[in-house]
Amino acid sequence: KAYKIDITPYLEFIEPEDKYEYVYLVNPANPLSKDYEPEDLTDCGHTRKDGRATQKLRKYAAESLKAFLSEAKQYGFDDITVTSAYRSYSYQDYLFNMYFQQDWATGKYKTKEECEKHTLTYSTKPGTSEHQSGLCLDMHNHPAATDAFGGTAEADWLEENCYRFGFILRYPKDKTDITGIKYEPWHFRFVGRDAATEMHELGLTLEEYVAANSVHP
């Protein structure tokens, strides 16, 4: 599929020299250390302008995102903004505890274990969140990241075209049994164009791709 924008200035980022450099898992089985922070974090120019801090991504992901959203604009999708990208271990700890307390306060759960199990379907414990890697981001044009974004023209376009810019929709609708995370039409992860294209063509999640290619987890 031809690009509408001039892709040349972005190619070195979209297609890293090492095909597998950005292909690894961050999850409960493959956590990041408490003090891990990428050295190449750079400002994400598409951060939503609503008072939040400028979000950051690793350089290759940030440059590829510029191309991705420039292309989206050519199709009339010009209001997609980034609401969350890199998160430190401590910030993820704060978020997870906040969500857990909100869930517990509903009174729906008999035990804290049962409540935590629910919280883990949409939020992750510190060290196990992809956001700490600096390679993923939440982006949409709704007031908040909810399932309502799924199925919109914007969400469909992003999902169908993300591989062309080295991204994957990380938590697809029909793979929750594999990822362990519910469908998130707003959550994209940078892996590089070669790997993303293969995942797109084969319909694989990152978990399945890593296993099939025996790359480092």
Protein backbone atom coordinates (compact mmCIF):
# COMPACT_ATOMS: atom_id res chain seq x y z
CA LYS A 1 0.00 0.00 0.00
CA ALA A 2 1.43 3.34 -1.06
CA TYR A 3 2.03 6.07 1.50
CA LYS A 4 0.37 9.44 0.97
CA ILE A 5 3.15 11.23 2.86
CA ASP A 6 6.83 11.26 1.94
CA ILE A 7 8.00 8.36 4.09
CA THR A 8 11.72 8.79 3.27
CA PRO A 9 12.77 10.88 6.30
CA TYR A 10 11.16 8.35 8.65
CA LEU A 11 12.30 5.06 7.14
CA GLU A 12 15.42 4.64 9.28
CA PHE A 13 13.18 4.74 12.37
CA ILE A 14 10.20 2.76 11.07
CA GLU A 15 12.46 -0.06 9.95
CA PRO A 16 15.27 -0.54 12.52
CA GLU A 17 18.44 -2.23 11.29
CA ASP A 18 17.99 -5.03 13.81
CA LYS A 19 14.58 -6.49 13.03
CA TYR A 20 14.13 -7.81 16.56
CA GLU A 21 15.59 -4.92 18.59
CA TYR A 22 12.17 -3.73 19.75
CA VAL A 23 10.48 -7.12 19.73
CA TYR A 24 10.24 -8.23 23.34
CA LEU A 25 7.58 -8.80 25.93
CA VAL A 26 6.88 -6.78 29.04
CA ASN A 27 4.34 -8.62 31.18
CA PRO A 28 4.14 -10.47 34.53
CA ALA A 29 6.47 -13.20 33.20
CA ASN A 30 8.93 -10.65 31.76
CA PRO A 31 9.04 -7.65 34.11
CA LEU A 32 11.23 -4.56 33.90
CA SER A 33 13.34 -3.59 36.88
CA LYS A 34 12.20 -0.89 39.28
CA ASP A 35 14.86 1.55 38.08
CA TYR A 36 14.56 0.86 34.33
CA GLU A 37 14.18 4.02 32.29
CA PRO A 38 15.05 4.17 28.57
CA GLU A 39 18.00 6.43 27.75
CA ASP A 40 16.55 7.71 24.48
CA LEU A 41 13.20 9.07 25.70
CA THR A 42 12.08 11.99 23.61
CA ASP A 43 9.08 14.33 23.65
CA CYS A 44 5.96 13.08 21.93
CA GLY A 45 4.72 15.97 19.81
CA HIS A 46 1.16 14.68 19.62
CA THR A 47 0.47 14.84 23.37
CA ARG A 48 -3.10 15.96 24.05
CA LYS A 49 -3.12 19.63 24.98
CA ASP A 50 -5.34 19.52 28.04
CA GLY A 51 -2.84 20.39 30.73
CA ARG A 52 -1.16 16.99 30.96
CA ALA A 53 2.61 16.73 30.88
CA THR A 54 4.23 16.23 27.48
CA GLN A 55 4.34 12.47 27.01
CA LYS A 56 7.59 10.74 26.06
CA LEU A 57 8.52 7.77 23.87
CA ARG A 58 11.77 6.13 22.86
CA LYS A 59 13.24 7.90 19.84
CA TYR A 60 12.43 5.31 17.16
CA ALA A 61 8.85 5.00 18.37
CA ALA A 62 8.43 8.78 18.59
CA GLU A 63 9.72 9.41 15.06
CA SER A 64 7.62 6.59 13.62
CA LEU A 65 4.54 7.98 15.37
CA LYS A 66 5.08 11.32 13.63
CA ALA A 67 4.84 9.53 10.29
CA PHE A 68 1.86 7.44 11.42
CA LEU A 69 -0.21 10.44 12.50
CA SER A 70 0.89 12.54 9.51
CA GLU A 71 -0.49 9.79 7.30
CA ALA A 72 -3.68 9.62 9.38
CA LYS A 73 -4.16 13.34 8.76
CA GLN A 74 -4.07 12.70 5.00
CA TYR A 75 -7.14 10.49 5.47
CA GLY A 76 -8.99 13.15 7.48
CA PHE A 77 -8.14 11.78 10.92
CA ASP A 78 -6.49 14.86 12.32
CA ASP A 79 -7.70 14.90 15.93
CA ILE A 80 -6.02 11.76 17.31
CA THR A 81 -3.81 12.65 20.27
CA VAL A 82 -1.59 10.80 22.73
CA THR A 83 -2.93 10.58 26.28
CA SER A 84 -0.26 8.32 27.80
CA ALA A 85 3.12 6.98 26.71
CA TYR A 86 6.17 6.31 28.93
CA ARG A 87 5.33 5.72 32.58
CA SER A 88 7.84 5.24 35.37
CA TYR A 89 7.66 2.26 37.73
CA SER A 90 6.46 4.50 40.56
CA TYR A 91 3.73 6.13 38.45
CA GLN A 92 2.45 2.73 37.34
CA ASP A 93 2.43 1.69 41.02
CA TYR A 94 0.30 4.74 41.82
CA LEU A 95 -2.09 4.03 38.93
CA PHE A 96 -2.58 0.35 39.70
CA ASN A 97 -3.29 1.05 43.37
CA MET A 98 -5.74 3.81 42.45
CA TYR A 99 -7.67 1.53 40.07
CA PHE A 100 -7.66 -1.29 42.60
CA GLN A 101 -9.06 0.99 45.33
CA GLN A 102 -11.77 2.23 42.94
CA ASP A 103 -12.76 -1.35 42.09
CA TRP A 104 -12.72 -2.42 45.75
CA ALA A 105 -14.91 0.55 46.72
CA THR A 106 -17.70 -0.68 44.42
CA GLY A 107 -18.40 -3.51 46.85
CA LYS A 108 -18.74 -5.99 43.98
CA TYR A 109 -15.91 -8.23 45.16
CA LYS A 110 -15.91 -10.62 48.11
CA THR A 111 -12.14 -10.80 48.42
CA LYS A 112 -9.24 -8.52 47.56
CA GLU A 113 -7.80 -11.34 45.43
CA GLU A 114 -10.97 -11.41 43.34
CA CYS A 115 -10.91 -7.64 43.02
CA GLU A 116 -7.24 -7.60 42.02
CA LYS A 117 -7.93 -10.23 39.35
CA HIS A 118 -10.45 -7.85 37.80
CA THR A 119 -8.15 -4.81 38.06
CA LEU A 120 -5.42 -6.79 36.28
CA THR A 121 -7.61 -7.20 33.18
CA TYR A 122 -7.19 -3.51 32.38
CA SER A 123 -4.24 -2.27 34.45
CA THR A 124 -0.91 -3.85 35.28
CA LYS A 125 1.34 -3.95 38.29
CA PRO A 126 4.50 -1.83 38.24
CA GLY A 127 7.31 -3.47 36.30
CA THR A 128 4.87 -5.42 34.14
CA SER A 129 3.48 -2.48 32.16
CA GLU A 130 4.57 -1.90 28.57
CA HIS A 131 4.35 1.82 29.25
CA GLN A 132 7.58 1.61 31.25
CA SER A 133 9.37 0.39 28.10
CA GLY A 134 8.75 3.72 26.35
CA LEU A 135 7.58 1.79 23.28
CA CYS A 136 3.82 2.00 23.67
CA LEU A 137 1.21 4.69 23.79
CA ASP A 138 -2.49 5.28 24.24
CA MET A 139 -4.01 7.47 21.53
CA HIS A 140 -7.57 8.28 20.50
CA ASN A 141 -9.93 11.22 20.01
CA HIS A 142 -12.42 10.47 22.79
CA PRO A 143 -12.59 12.17 26.21
CA ALA A 144 -11.19 8.97 27.78
CA ALA A 145 -9.82 5.61 26.69
CA THR A 146 -12.93 3.42 26.57
CA ASP A 147 -14.30 0.65 24.37
CA ALA A 148 -16.48 3.29 22.68
CA PHE A 149 -13.43 4.23 20.60
CA GLY A 150 -13.40 0.72 19.10
CA GLY A 151 -15.28 0.42 15.82
CA THR A 152 -15.02 4.13 15.00
CA ALA A 153 -13.58 5.10 11.63
CA GLU A 154 -10.48 6.43 13.41
CA ALA A 155 -9.90 3.26 15.44
CA ASP A 156 -10.40 1.05 12.40
CA TRP A 157 -7.95 3.07 10.33
CA LEU A 158 -5.31 3.03 13.06
CA GLU A 159 -5.64 -0.73 13.51
CA GLU A 160 -5.51 -1.45 9.77
CA ASN A 161 -2.55 0.84 9.04
CA CYS A 162 -0.37 0.76 12.17
CA TYR A 163 1.91 -2.02 10.84
CA ARG A 164 3.02 0.25 7.98
CA PHE A 165 4.68 2.47 10.60
CA GLY A 166 6.10 -0.28 12.80
CA PHE A 167 3.26 -0.44 15.32
CA ILE A 168 0.85 -3.16 16.39
CA LEU A 169 -2.49 -2.95 18.16
CA ARG A 170 -1.19 -4.64 21.28
CA TYR A 171 -4.40 -5.96 22.82
CA PRO A 172 -6.80 -7.01 20.05
CA LYS A 173 -10.41 -7.99 20.62
CA ASP A 174 -10.14 -11.70 19.78
CA LYS A 175 -6.88 -12.46 21.63
CA THR A 176 -7.61 -11.61 25.26
CA ASP A 177 -7.06 -15.24 26.26
CA ILE A 178 -3.47 -14.92 24.99
CA THR A 179 -2.59 -11.39 26.10
CA GLY A 180 -4.45 -11.54 29.41
CA ILE A 181 -5.59 -7.95 28.84
CA LYS A 182 -8.98 -6.84 27.60
CA TYR A 183 -9.47 -5.28 24.17
CA GLU A 184 -7.81 -1.85 24.03
CA PRO A 185 -8.43 -0.14 20.67
CA TRP A 186 -6.27 2.81 21.80
CA HIS A 187 -3.08 0.98 22.88
CA PHE A 188 -0.32 0.69 20.26
CA ARG A 189 3.15 -0.79 20.63
CA PHE A 190 6.20 -0.10 18.48
CA VAL A 191 8.07 -3.20 17.22
CA GLY A 192 9.45 -2.06 13.84
CA ARG A 193 7.90 -2.47 10.39
CA ASP A 194 9.27 -5.91 9.47
CA ALA A 195 7.95 -7.58 12.60
CA ALA A 196 4.72 -5.57 12.60
CA THR A 197 4.02 -6.52 8.98
CA GLU A 198 4.56 -10.21 9.71
CA MET A 199 2.27 -10.02 12.74
CA HIS A 200 -0.35 -8.22 10.66
CA GLU A 201 -0.23 -10.76 7.83
CA LEU A 202 -0.29 -13.78 10.14
CA GLY A 203 -2.76 -12.36 12.66
CA LEU A 204 -0.36 -12.86 15.58
CA THR A 205 -0.08 -11.12 18.93
CA LEU A 206 3.33 -10.17 20.27
CA GLU A 207 3.20 -13.20 22.59
CA GLU A 208 2.62 -15.55 19.64
CA TYR A 209 5.23 -13.86 17.45
CA VAL A 210 7.93 -13.96 20.13
CA ALA A 211 7.22 -17.67 20.72
CA ALA A 212 7.18 -18.51 17.00
CA ASN A 213 10.47 -16.71 16.30
CA SER A 214 12.30 -17.72 19.47
CA VAL A 215 13.39 -14.14 20.05
CA HIS A 216 14.31 -12.89 23.50
CA PRO A 217 11.15 -12.48 25.59
